[in-house]
PDB file of all heavy atoms in Angstrom:
ATOM      1  N   GLU A   1       0.820  -1.209   0.000  1.00  0.00           N
ATOM      2  CA  GLU A   1       0.000   0.000   0.000  1.00  0.00           C
ATOM      3  C   GLU A   1       0.857   1.262   0.000  1.00  0.00           C
ATOM      4  O   GLU A   1       0.614   2.201  -0.771  1.00  0.00           O
ATOM      5  CB  GLU A   1      -0.899  -0.025   1.237  1.00  0.00           C
ATOM      6  CG  GLU A   1      -1.988   0.988   1.248  1.00  0.00           C
ATOM      7  CD  GLU A   1      -2.896   0.791   2.437  1.00  0.00           C
ATOM      8  OE1 GLU A   1      -3.220  -0.362   2.777  1.00  0.00           O
ATOM      9  OE2 GLU A   1      -3.268   1.816   3.035  1.00  0.00           O
ATOM     10  N   LEU A   2       1.865   1.294   0.847  1.00  0.00           N
ATOM     11  CA  LEU A   2       2.728   2.470   0.907  1.00  0.00           C
ATOM     12  C   LEU A   2       3.612   2.589  -0.329  1.00  0.00           C
ATOM     13  O   LEU A   2       3.935   3.700  -0.758  1.00  0.00           O
ATOM     14  CB  LEU A   2       3.562   2.445   2.181  1.00  0.00           C
ATOM     15  CG  LEU A   2       2.758   2.628   3.473  1.00  0.00           C
ATOM     16  CD1 LEU A   2       3.640   2.442   4.688  1.00  0.00           C
ATOM     17  CD2 LEU A   2       2.082   3.979   3.494  1.00  0.00           C
ATOM     18  N   ALA A   3       4.005   1.451  -0.909  1.00  0.00           N
ATOM     19  CA  ALA A   3       4.815   1.498  -2.134  1.00  0.00           C
ATOM     20  C   ALA A   3       4.006   2.060  -3.292  1.00  0.00           C
ATOM     21  O   ALA A   3       4.545   2.769  -4.144  1.00  0.00           O
ATOM     22  CB  ALA A   3       5.329   0.109  -2.477  1.00  0.00           C
ATOM     23  N   CYS A   4       2.728   1.752  -3.335  1.00  0.00           N
ATOM     24  CA  CYS A   4       1.885   2.290  -4.404  1.00  0.00           C
ATOM     25  C   CYS A   4       1.630   3.783  -4.236  1.00  0.00           C
ATOM     26  O   CYS A   4       1.342   4.480  -5.212  1.00  0.00           O
ATOM     27  CB  CYS A   4       0.562   1.525  -4.463  1.00  0.00           C
ATOM     28  SG  CYS A   4       0.745  -0.152  -5.086  1.00  0.00           S
ATOM     29  N   GLN A   5       1.742   4.289  -3.023  1.00  0.00           N
ATOM     30  CA  GLN A   5       1.541   5.719  -2.788  1.00  0.00           C
ATOM     31  C   GLN A   5       2.771   6.542  -3.145  1.00  0.00           C
ATOM     32  O   GLN A   5       2.653   7.729  -3.445  1.00  0.00           O
ATOM     33  CB  GLN A   5       1.156   5.969  -1.335  1.00  0.00           C
ATOM     34  CG  GLN A   5      -0.233   5.513  -1.002  1.00  0.00           C
ATOM     35  CD  GLN A   5      -0.576   5.744   0.443  1.00  0.00           C
ATOM     36  OE1 GLN A   5       0.247   6.210   1.235  1.00  0.00           O
ATOM     37  NE2 GLN A   5      -1.806   5.411   0.814  1.00  0.00           N
ATOM     38  N   TYR A   6       3.960   5.904  -3.090  1.00  0.00           N
ATOM     39  CA  TYR A   6       5.174   6.627  -3.463  1.00  0.00           C
ATOM     40  C   TYR A   6       5.193   6.802  -4.974  1.00  0.00           C
ATOM     41  O   TYR A   6       4.535   6.092  -5.715  1.00  0.00           O
ATOM     42  CB  TYR A   6       6.415   5.844  -3.009  1.00  0.00           C
ATOM     43  CG  TYR A   6       6.751   6.025  -1.560  1.00  0.00           C
ATOM     44  CD1 TYR A   6       6.039   5.352  -0.566  1.00  0.00           C
ATOM     45  CD2 TYR A   6       7.771   6.862  -1.160  1.00  0.00           C
ATOM     46  CE1 TYR A   6       6.341   5.500   0.771  1.00  0.00           C
ATOM     47  CE2 TYR A   6       8.089   7.022   0.171  1.00  0.00           C
ATOM     48  CZ  TYR A   6       7.371   6.339   1.132  1.00  0.00           C
ATOM     49  OH  TYR A   6       7.680   6.501   2.449  1.00  0.00           O
ATOM     50  N   SER A   7       5.989   7.735  -5.443  1.00  0.00           N
ATOM     51  CA  SER A   7       6.056   7.984  -6.885  1.00  0.00           C
ATOM     52  C   SER A   7       7.194   7.164  -7.503  1.00  0.00           C
ATOM     53  O   SER A   7       8.155   7.718  -8.026  1.00  0.00           O
ATOM     54  CB  SER A   7       6.256   9.473  -7.143  1.00  0.00           C
ATOM     55  OG  SER A   7       7.457   9.901  -6.524  1.00  0.00           O
ATOM     56  N   TRP A   8       7.083   5.867  -7.412  1.00  0.00           N
ATOM     57  CA  TRP A   8       8.049   4.975  -8.037  1.00  0.00           C
ATOM     58  C   TRP A   8       7.631   4.745  -9.484  1.00  0.00           C
ATOM     59  O   TRP A   8       6.504   4.957  -9.864  1.00  0.00           O
ATOM     60  CB  TRP A   8       8.080   3.626  -7.313  1.00  0.00           C
ATOM     61  CG  TRP A   8       8.672   3.697  -5.944  1.00  0.00           C
ATOM     62  CD1 TRP A   8       8.003   3.873  -4.784  1.00  0.00           C
ATOM     63  CD2 TRP A   8      10.049   3.613  -5.597  1.00  0.00           C
ATOM     64  NE1 TRP A   8       8.868   3.903  -3.727  1.00  0.00           N
ATOM     65  CE2 TRP A   8      10.139   3.739  -4.204  1.00  0.00           C
ATOM     66  CE3 TRP A   8      11.219   3.445  -6.324  1.00  0.00           C
ATOM     67  CZ2 TRP A   8      11.354   3.697  -3.530  1.00  0.00           C
ATOM     68  CZ3 TRP A   8      12.420   3.398  -5.642  1.00  0.00           C
ATOM     69  CH2 TRP A   8      12.473   3.532  -4.267  1.00  0.00           C
ATOM     70  N   GLY A   9       8.552   4.254 -10.256  1.00  0.00           N
ATOM     71  CA  GLY A   9       8.233   3.935 -11.638  1.00  0.00           C
ATOM     72  C   GLY A   9       7.425   2.648 -11.718  1.00  0.00           C
ATOM     73  O   GLY A   9       7.341   1.871 -10.776  1.00  0.00           O
ATOM     74  N   ILE A  10       6.851   2.427 -12.879  1.00  0.00           N
ATOM     75  CA  ILE A  10       6.026   1.236 -13.087  1.00  0.00           C
ATOM     76  C   ILE A  10       6.870  -0.037 -13.039  1.00  0.00           C
ATOM     77  O   ILE A  10       6.395  -1.092 -12.620  1.00  0.00           O
ATOM     78  CB  ILE A  10       5.226   1.350 -14.418  1.00  0.00           C
ATOM     79  CG1 ILE A  10       4.174   0.258 -14.521  1.00  0.00           C
ATOM     80  CG2 ILE A  10       6.155   1.290 -15.612  1.00  0.00           C
ATOM     81  CD1 ILE A  10       3.027   0.457 -13.596  1.00  0.00           C
ATOM     82  N   PHE A  11       8.140   0.064 -13.415  1.00  0.00           N
ATOM     83  CA  PHE A  11       9.017  -1.108 -13.400  1.00  0.00           C
ATOM     84  C   PHE A  11       9.230  -1.615 -11.974  1.00  0.00           C
ATOM     85  O   PHE A  11       9.200  -2.822 -11.724  1.00  0.00           O
ATOM     86  CB  PHE A  11      10.363  -0.771 -14.058  1.00  0.00           C
ATOM     87  CG  PHE A  11      11.323  -1.918 -14.043  1.00  0.00           C
ATOM     88  CD1 PHE A  11      11.141  -3.004 -14.882  1.00  0.00           C
ATOM     89  CD2 PHE A  11      12.409  -1.912 -13.180  1.00  0.00           C
ATOM     90  CE1 PHE A  11      12.017  -4.063 -14.857  1.00  0.00           C
ATOM     91  CE2 PHE A  11      13.297  -2.962 -13.147  1.00  0.00           C
ATOM     92  CZ  PHE A  11      13.104  -4.050 -13.993  1.00  0.00           C
ATOM     93  N   VAL A  12       9.427  -0.704 -11.042  1.00  0.00           N
ATOM     94  CA  VAL A  12       9.656  -1.092  -9.643  1.00  0.00           C
ATOM     95  C   VAL A  12       8.405  -1.743  -9.066  1.00  0.00           C
ATOM     96  O   VAL A  12       8.474  -2.771  -8.389  1.00  0.00           O
ATOM     97  CB  VAL A  12      10.089   0.131  -8.807  1.00  0.00           C
ATOM     98  CG1 VAL A  12      10.178  -0.216  -7.341  1.00  0.00           C
ATOM     99  CG2 VAL A  12      11.410   0.669  -9.319  1.00  0.00           C
ATOM    100  N   LEU A  13       7.245  -1.173  -9.350  1.00  0.00           N
ATOM    101  CA  LEU A  13       5.997  -1.761  -8.868  1.00  0.00           C
ATOM    102  C   LEU A  13       5.729  -3.111  -9.519  1.00  0.00           C
ATOM    103  O   LEU A  13       5.250  -4.047  -8.864  1.00  0.00           O
ATOM    104  CB  LEU A  13       4.830  -0.812  -9.115  1.00  0.00           C
ATOM    105  CG  LEU A  13       4.830   0.463  -8.292  1.00  0.00           C
ATOM    106  CD1 LEU A  13       3.677   1.356  -8.689  1.00  0.00           C
ATOM    107  CD2 LEU A  13       4.781   0.144  -6.808  1.00  0.00           C
ATOM    108  N   LEU A  14       6.050  -3.237 -10.791  1.00  0.00           N
ATOM    109  CA  LEU A  14       5.880  -4.513 -11.479  1.00  0.00           C
ATOM    110  C   LEU A  14       6.776  -5.589 -10.866  1.00  0.00           C
ATOM    111  O   LEU A  14       6.331  -6.733 -10.663  1.00  0.00           O
ATOM    112  CB  LEU A  14       6.172  -4.342 -12.973  1.00  0.00           C
ATOM    113  CG  LEU A  14       5.958  -5.574 -13.839  1.00  0.00           C
ATOM    114  CD1 LEU A  14       4.482  -5.936 -13.882  1.00  0.00           C
ATOM    115  CD2 LEU A  14       6.480  -5.314 -15.244  1.00  0.00           C
ATOM    116  N   MET A  15       7.995  -5.237 -10.555  1.00  0.00           N
ATOM    117  CA  MET A  15       8.911  -6.195  -9.914  1.00  0.00           C
ATOM    118  C   MET A  15       8.403  -6.613  -8.529  1.00  0.00           C
ATOM    119  O   MET A  15       8.531  -7.761  -8.133  1.00  0.00           O
ATOM    120  CB  MET A  15      10.317  -5.601  -9.811  1.00  0.00           C
ATOM    121  CG  MET A  15      11.009  -5.430 -11.140  1.00  0.00           C
ATOM    122  SD  MET A  15      11.162  -6.964 -12.078  1.00  0.00           S
ATOM    123  CE  MET A  15      12.296  -7.855 -11.054  1.00  0.00           C
ATOM    124  N   MET A  16       7.815  -5.686  -7.807  1.00  0.00           N
ATOM    125  CA  MET A  16       7.269  -6.001  -6.491  1.00  0.00           C
ATOM    126  C   MET A  16       6.116  -6.999  -6.616  1.00  0.00           C
ATOM    127  O   MET A  16       6.045  -7.977  -5.874  1.00  0.00           O
ATOM    128  CB  MET A  16       6.790  -4.737  -5.795  1.00  0.00           C
ATOM    129  CG  MET A  16       6.184  -4.999  -4.425  1.00  0.00           C
ATOM    130  SD  MET A  16       5.400  -3.558  -3.697  1.00  0.00           S
ATOM    131  CE  MET A  16       4.064  -3.274  -4.821  1.00  0.00           C
ATOM    132  N   PHE A  17       5.232  -6.773  -7.579  1.00  0.00           N
ATOM    133  CA  PHE A  17       4.101  -7.681  -7.744  1.00  0.00           C
ATOM    134  C   PHE A  17       4.533  -9.041  -8.282  1.00  0.00           C
ATOM    135  O   PHE A  17       3.931 -10.061  -7.951  1.00  0.00           O
ATOM    136  CB  PHE A  17       3.029  -7.043  -8.632  1.00  0.00           C
ATOM    137  CG  PHE A  17       2.245  -5.980  -7.924  1.00  0.00           C
ATOM    138  CD1 PHE A  17       2.298  -4.671  -8.347  1.00  0.00           C
ATOM    139  CD2 PHE A  17       1.471  -6.290  -6.817  1.00  0.00           C
ATOM    140  CE1 PHE A  17       1.595  -3.688  -7.688  1.00  0.00           C
ATOM    141  CE2 PHE A  17       0.764  -5.309  -6.144  1.00  0.00           C
ATOM    142  CZ  PHE A  17       0.819  -4.010  -6.581  1.00  0.00           C
ATOM    143  N   ILE A  18       5.582  -9.082  -9.083  1.00  0.00           N
ATOM    144  CA  ILE A  18       6.124 -10.373  -9.530  1.00  0.00           C
ATOM    145  C   ILE A  18       6.695 -11.127  -8.341  1.00  0.00           C
ATOM    146  O   ILE A  18       6.494 -12.346  -8.199  1.00  0.00           O
ATOM    147  CB  ILE A  18       7.181 -10.168 -10.639  1.00  0.00           C
ATOM    148  CG1 ILE A  18       6.494  -9.752 -11.931  1.00  0.00           C
ATOM    149  CG2 ILE A  18       8.001 -11.426 -10.853  1.00  0.00           C
ATOM    150  CD1 ILE A  18       7.441  -9.350 -13.032  1.00  0.00           C
ATOM    151  N   CYS A  19       7.392 -10.424  -7.467  1.00  0.00           N
ATOM    152  CA  CYS A  19       7.944 -11.038  -6.254  1.00  0.00           C
ATOM    153  C   CYS A  19       6.825 -11.609  -5.387  1.00  0.00           C
ATOM    154  O   CYS A  19       6.936 -12.715  -4.858  1.00  0.00           O
ATOM    155  CB  CYS A  19       8.753 -10.001  -5.494  1.00  0.00           C
ATOM    156  SG  CYS A  19       9.451 -10.561  -3.953  1.00  0.00           S
ATOM    157  N   LEU A  20       5.754 -10.875  -5.244  1.00  0.00           N
ATOM    158  CA  LEU A  20       4.616 -11.353  -4.449  1.00  0.00           C
ATOM    159  C   LEU A  20       3.950 -12.565  -5.087  1.00  0.00           C
ATOM    160  O   LEU A  20       3.554 -13.504  -4.393  1.00  0.00           O
ATOM    161  CB  LEU A  20       3.598 -10.234  -4.271  1.00  0.00           C
ATOM    162  CG  LEU A  20       4.023  -9.077  -3.386  1.00  0.00           C
ATOM    163  CD1 LEU A  20       3.002  -7.963  -3.440  1.00  0.00           C
ATOM    164  CD2 LEU A  20       4.226  -9.546  -1.968  1.00  0.00           C
ATOM    165  N   SER A  21       3.839 -12.570  -6.401  1.00  0.00           N
ATOM    166  CA  SER A  21       3.199 -13.705  -7.062  1.00  0.00           C
ATOM    167  C   SER A  21       4.065 -14.956  -7.009  1.00  0.00           C
ATOM    168  O   SER A  21       3.536 -16.070  -6.956  1.00  0.00           O
ATOM    169  CB  SER A  21       2.851 -13.349  -8.508  1.00  0.00           C
ATOM    170  OG  SER A  21       4.012 -13.105  -9.250  1.00  0.00           O
ATOM    171  N   LEU A  22       5.376 -14.804  -7.006  1.00  0.00           N
ATOM    172  CA  LEU A  22       6.254 -15.968  -6.878  1.00  0.00           C
ATOM    173  C   LEU A  22       6.087 -16.640  -5.511  1.00  0.00           C
ATOM    174  O   LEU A  22       6.155 -17.860  -5.405  1.00  0.00           O
ATOM    175  CB  LEU A  22       7.709 -15.569  -7.109  1.00  0.00           C
ATOM    176  CG  LEU A  22       8.086 -15.262  -8.543  1.00  0.00           C
ATOM    177  CD1 LEU A  22       9.531 -14.774  -8.622  1.00  0.00           C
ATOM    178  CD2 LEU A  22       7.891 -16.467  -9.435  1.00  0.00           C
ATOM    179  N   THR A  23       5.852 -15.858  -4.483  1.00  0.00           N
ATOM    180  CA  THR A  23       5.613 -16.417  -3.157  1.00  0.00           C
ATOM    181  C   THR A  23       4.354 -17.275  -3.158  1.00  0.00           C
ATOM    182  O   THR A  23       4.333 -18.368  -2.593  1.00  0.00           O
ATOM    183  CB  THR A  23       5.473 -15.295  -2.119  1.00  0.00           C
ATOM    184  OG1 THR A  23       6.648 -14.503  -2.137  1.00  0.00           O
ATOM    185  CG2 THR A  23       5.244 -15.853  -0.736  1.00  0.00           C
ATOM    186  N   VAL A  24       3.329 -16.802  -3.807  1.00  0.00           N
ATOM    187  CA  VAL A  24       2.082 -17.570  -3.886  1.00  0.00           C
ATOM    188  C   VAL A  24       2.296 -18.832  -4.713  1.00  0.00           C
ATOM    189  O   VAL A  24       1.805 -19.913  -4.344  1.00  0.00           O
ATOM    190  CB  VAL A  24       0.954 -16.697  -4.474  1.00  0.00           C
ATOM    191  CG1 VAL A  24      -0.299 -17.506  -4.719  1.00  0.00           C
ATOM    192  CG2 VAL A  24       0.670 -15.529  -3.556  1.00  0.00           C
ATOM    193  N   LEU A  25       3.047 -18.736  -5.809  1.00  0.00           N
ATOM    194  CA  LEU A  25       3.263 -19.901  -6.667  1.00  0.00           C
ATOM    195  C   LEU A  25       4.025 -21.018  -5.955  1.00  0.00           C
ATOM    196  O   LEU A  25       3.660 -22.188  -6.066  1.00  0.00           O
ATOM    197  CB  LEU A  25       3.995 -19.487  -7.934  1.00  0.00           C
ATOM    198  CG  LEU A  25       3.160 -18.760  -8.968  1.00  0.00           C
ATOM    199  CD1 LEU A  25       4.016 -18.302 -10.140  1.00  0.00           C
ATOM    200  CD2 LEU A  25       2.039 -19.638  -9.458  1.00  0.00           C
ATOM    201  N   TYR A  26       5.088 -20.689  -5.224  1.00  0.00           N
ATOM    202  CA  TYR A  26       5.818 -21.755  -4.553  1.00  0.00           C
ATOM    203  C   TYR A  26       4.979 -22.359  -3.439  1.00  0.00           C
ATOM    204  O   TYR A  26       5.066 -23.551  -3.163  1.00  0.00           O
ATOM    205  CB  TYR A  26       7.187 -21.295  -4.039  1.00  0.00           C
ATOM    206  CG  TYR A  26       7.181 -20.631  -2.693  1.00  0.00           C
ATOM    207  CD1 TYR A  26       7.091 -21.379  -1.526  1.00  0.00           C
ATOM    208  CD2 TYR A  26       7.291 -19.258  -2.560  1.00  0.00           C
ATOM    209  CE1 TYR A  26       7.082 -20.773  -0.291  1.00  0.00           C
ATOM    210  CE2 TYR A  26       7.283 -18.657  -1.338  1.00  0.00           C
ATOM    211  CZ  TYR A  26       7.179 -19.422  -0.211  1.00  0.00           C
ATOM    212  OH  TYR A  26       7.170 -18.814   1.012  1.00  0.00           O
ATOM    213  N   SER A  27       4.138 -21.572  -2.781  1.00  0.00           N
ATOM    214  CA  SER A  27       3.302 -22.112  -1.712  1.00  0.00           C
ATOM    215  C   SER A  27       2.237 -23.053  -2.261  1.00  0.00           C
ATOM    216  O   SER A  27       1.974 -24.103  -1.678  1.00  0.00           O
ATOM    217  CB  SER A  27       2.632 -20.982  -0.935  1.00  0.00           C
ATOM    218  OG  SER A  27       3.599 -20.209  -0.288  1.00  0.00           O
ATOM    219  N   VAL A  28       1.641 -22.684  -3.381  1.00  0.00           N
ATOM    220  CA  VAL A  28       0.641 -23.556  -4.007  1.00  0.00           C
ATOM    221  C   VAL A  28       1.293 -24.850  -4.492  1.00  0.00           C
ATOM    222  O   VAL A  28       0.755 -25.944  -4.300  1.00  0.00           O
ATOM    223  CB  VAL A  28      -0.068 -22.812  -5.161  1.00  0.00           C
ATOM    224  CG1 VAL A  28      -0.892 -23.754  -6.015  1.00  0.00           C
ATOM    225  CG2 VAL A  28      -0.935 -21.701  -4.605  1.00  0.00           C
ATOM    226  N   ARG A  29       2.465 -24.742  -5.073  1.00  0.00           N
ATOM    227  CA  ARG A  29       3.177 -25.935  -5.544  1.00  0.00           C
ATOM    228  C   ARG A  29       3.547 -26.845  -4.387  1.00  0.00           C
ATOM    229  O   ARG A  29       3.377 -28.063  -4.466  1.00  0.00           O
ATOM    230  CB  ARG A  29       4.440 -25.510  -6.293  1.00  0.00           C
ATOM    231  CG  ARG A  29       5.256 -26.674  -6.800  1.00  0.00           C
ATOM    232  CD  ARG A  29       6.456 -26.171  -7.605  1.00  0.00           C
ATOM    233  NE  ARG A  29       7.254 -27.286  -8.057  1.00  0.00           N
ATOM    234  CZ  ARG A  29       8.420 -27.632  -7.531  1.00  0.00           C
ATOM    235  NH1 ARG A  29       8.928 -26.925  -6.536  1.00  0.00           N
ATOM    236  NH2 ARG A  29       9.087 -28.661  -7.985  1.00  0.00           N
ATOM    237  N   LEU A  30       4.019 -26.255  -3.299  1.00  0.00           N
ATOM    238  CA  LEU A  30       4.390 -27.039  -2.126  1.00  0.00           C
ATOM    239  C   LEU A  30       3.184 -27.762  -1.545  1.00  0.00           C
ATOM    240  O   LEU A  30       3.249 -28.951  -1.230  1.00  0.00           O
ATOM    241  CB  LEU A  30       5.020 -26.122  -1.078  1.00  0.00           C
ATOM    242  CG  LEU A  30       5.490 -26.761   0.222  1.00  0.00           C
ATOM    243  CD1 LEU A  30       6.678 -27.664  -0.047  1.00  0.00           C
ATOM    244  CD2 LEU A  30       5.853 -25.688   1.222  1.00  0.00           C
ATOM    245  N   THR A  31       2.059 -27.071  -1.418  1.00  0.00           N
ATOM    246  CA  THR A  31       0.851 -27.678  -0.873  1.00  0.00           C
ATOM    247  C   THR A  31       0.315 -28.759  -1.794  1.00  0.00           C
ATOM    248  O   THR A  31      -0.066 -29.843  -1.341  1.00  0.00           O
ATOM    249  CB  THR A  31      -0.225 -26.601  -0.635  1.00  0.00           C
ATOM    250  OG1 THR A  31       0.301 -25.646   0.279  1.00  0.00           O
ATOM    251  CG2 THR A  31      -1.483 -27.197  -0.067  1.00  0.00           C
ATOM    252  N   TYR A  32       0.308 -28.496  -3.083  1.00  0.00           N
ATOM    253  CA  TYR A  32      -0.219 -29.479  -4.019  1.00  0.00           C
ATOM    254  C   TYR A  32       0.613 -30.759  -4.019  1.00  0.00           C
ATOM    255  O   TYR A  32       0.074 -31.856  -3.917  1.00  0.00           O
ATOM    256  CB  TYR A  32      -0.294 -28.904  -5.438  1.00  0.00           C
ATOM    257  CG  TYR A  32      -0.749 -29.938  -6.443  1.00  0.00           C
ATOM    258  CD1 TYR A  32      -2.088 -30.310  -6.510  1.00  0.00           C
ATOM    259  CD2 TYR A  32       0.153 -30.559  -7.290  1.00  0.00           C
ATOM    260  CE1 TYR A  32      -2.508 -31.278  -7.399  1.00  0.00           C
ATOM    261  CE2 TYR A  32      -0.256 -31.522  -8.180  1.00  0.00           C
ATOM    262  CZ  TYR A  32      -1.589 -31.886  -8.238  1.00  0.00           C
ATOM    263  OH  TYR A  32      -1.993 -32.856  -9.115  1.00  0.00           O
ATOM    264  N   LEU A  33       1.928 -30.607  -4.149  1.00  0.00           N
ATOM    265  CA  LEU A  33       2.770 -31.798  -4.236  1.00  0.00           C
ATOM    266  C   LEU A  33       2.829 -32.580  -2.922  1.00  0.00           C
ATOM    267  O   LEU A  33       3.045 -33.780  -2.930  1.00  0.00           O
ATOM    268  CB  LEU A  33       4.180 -31.411  -4.678  1.00  0.00           C
ATOM    269  CG  LEU A  33       4.305 -30.942  -6.129  1.00  0.00           C
ATOM    270  CD1 LEU A  33       5.724 -30.506  -6.415  1.00  0.00           C
ATOM    271  CD2 LEU A  33       3.884 -32.035  -7.084  1.00  0.00           C
ATOM    272  N   SER A  34       2.645 -31.900  -1.797  1.00  0.00           N
ATOM    273  CA  SER A  34       2.729 -32.581  -0.510  1.00  0.00           C
ATOM    274  C   SER A  34       1.412 -33.228  -0.082  1.00  0.00           C
ATOM    275  O   SER A  34       1.406 -34.341   0.417  1.00  0.00           O
ATOM    276  CB  SER A  34       3.157 -31.612   0.596  1.00  0.00           C
ATOM    277  OG  SER A  34       4.422 -31.108   0.331  1.00  0.00           O
ATOM    278  N   PHE A  35       0.316 -32.529  -0.275  1.00  0.00           N
ATOM    279  CA  PHE A  35      -0.932 -32.984   0.317  1.00  0.00           C
ATOM    280  C   PHE A  35      -2.009 -33.390  -0.679  1.00  0.00           C
ATOM    281  O   PHE A  35      -2.826 -34.251  -0.383  1.00  0.00           O
ATOM    282  CB  PHE A  35      -1.509 -31.881   1.226  1.00  0.00           C
ATOM    283  CG  PHE A  35      -0.598 -31.520   2.354  1.00  0.00           C
ATOM    284  CD1 PHE A  35      -0.033 -30.258   2.430  1.00  0.00           C
ATOM    285  CD2 PHE A  35      -0.289 -32.435   3.337  1.00  0.00           C
ATOM    286  CE1 PHE A  35       0.804 -29.922   3.468  1.00  0.00           C
ATOM    287  CE2 PHE A  35       0.566 -32.107   4.363  1.00  0.00           C
ATOM    288  CZ  PHE A  35       1.110 -30.856   4.438  1.00  0.00           C
ATOM    289  N   VAL A  36      -2.052 -32.784  -1.839  1.00  0.00           N
ATOM    290  CA  VAL A  36      -3.163 -33.019  -2.752  1.00  0.00           C
ATOM    291  C   VAL A  36      -2.785 -33.961  -3.890  1.00  0.00           C
ATOM    292  O   VAL A  36      -3.577 -34.802  -4.283  1.00  0.00           O
ATOM    293  CB  VAL A  36      -3.663 -31.662  -3.338  1.00  0.00           C
ATOM    294  CG1 VAL A  36      -4.821 -31.872  -4.269  1.00  0.00           C
ATOM    295  CG2 VAL A  36      -4.034 -30.713  -2.223  1.00  0.00           C
ATOM    296  N   GLY A  37      -1.575 -33.832  -4.389  1.00  0.00           N
ATOM    297  CA  GLY A  37      -1.145 -34.590  -5.564  1.00  0.00           C
ATOM    298  C   GLY A  37      -1.116 -36.082  -5.313  1.00  0.00           C
ATOM    299  O   GLY A  37      -1.292 -36.568  -4.196  1.00  0.00           O
TER     300      GLY A  37
END
């Protein structure tokens, strides 16, 4: 929220959201392969 309020470039915000999505991807993969797969 605070990063979006600062006047950063779109590249920096895009990198932040990619970093956040990678966290979700590894967690989903870990859960799937361990418990559901």
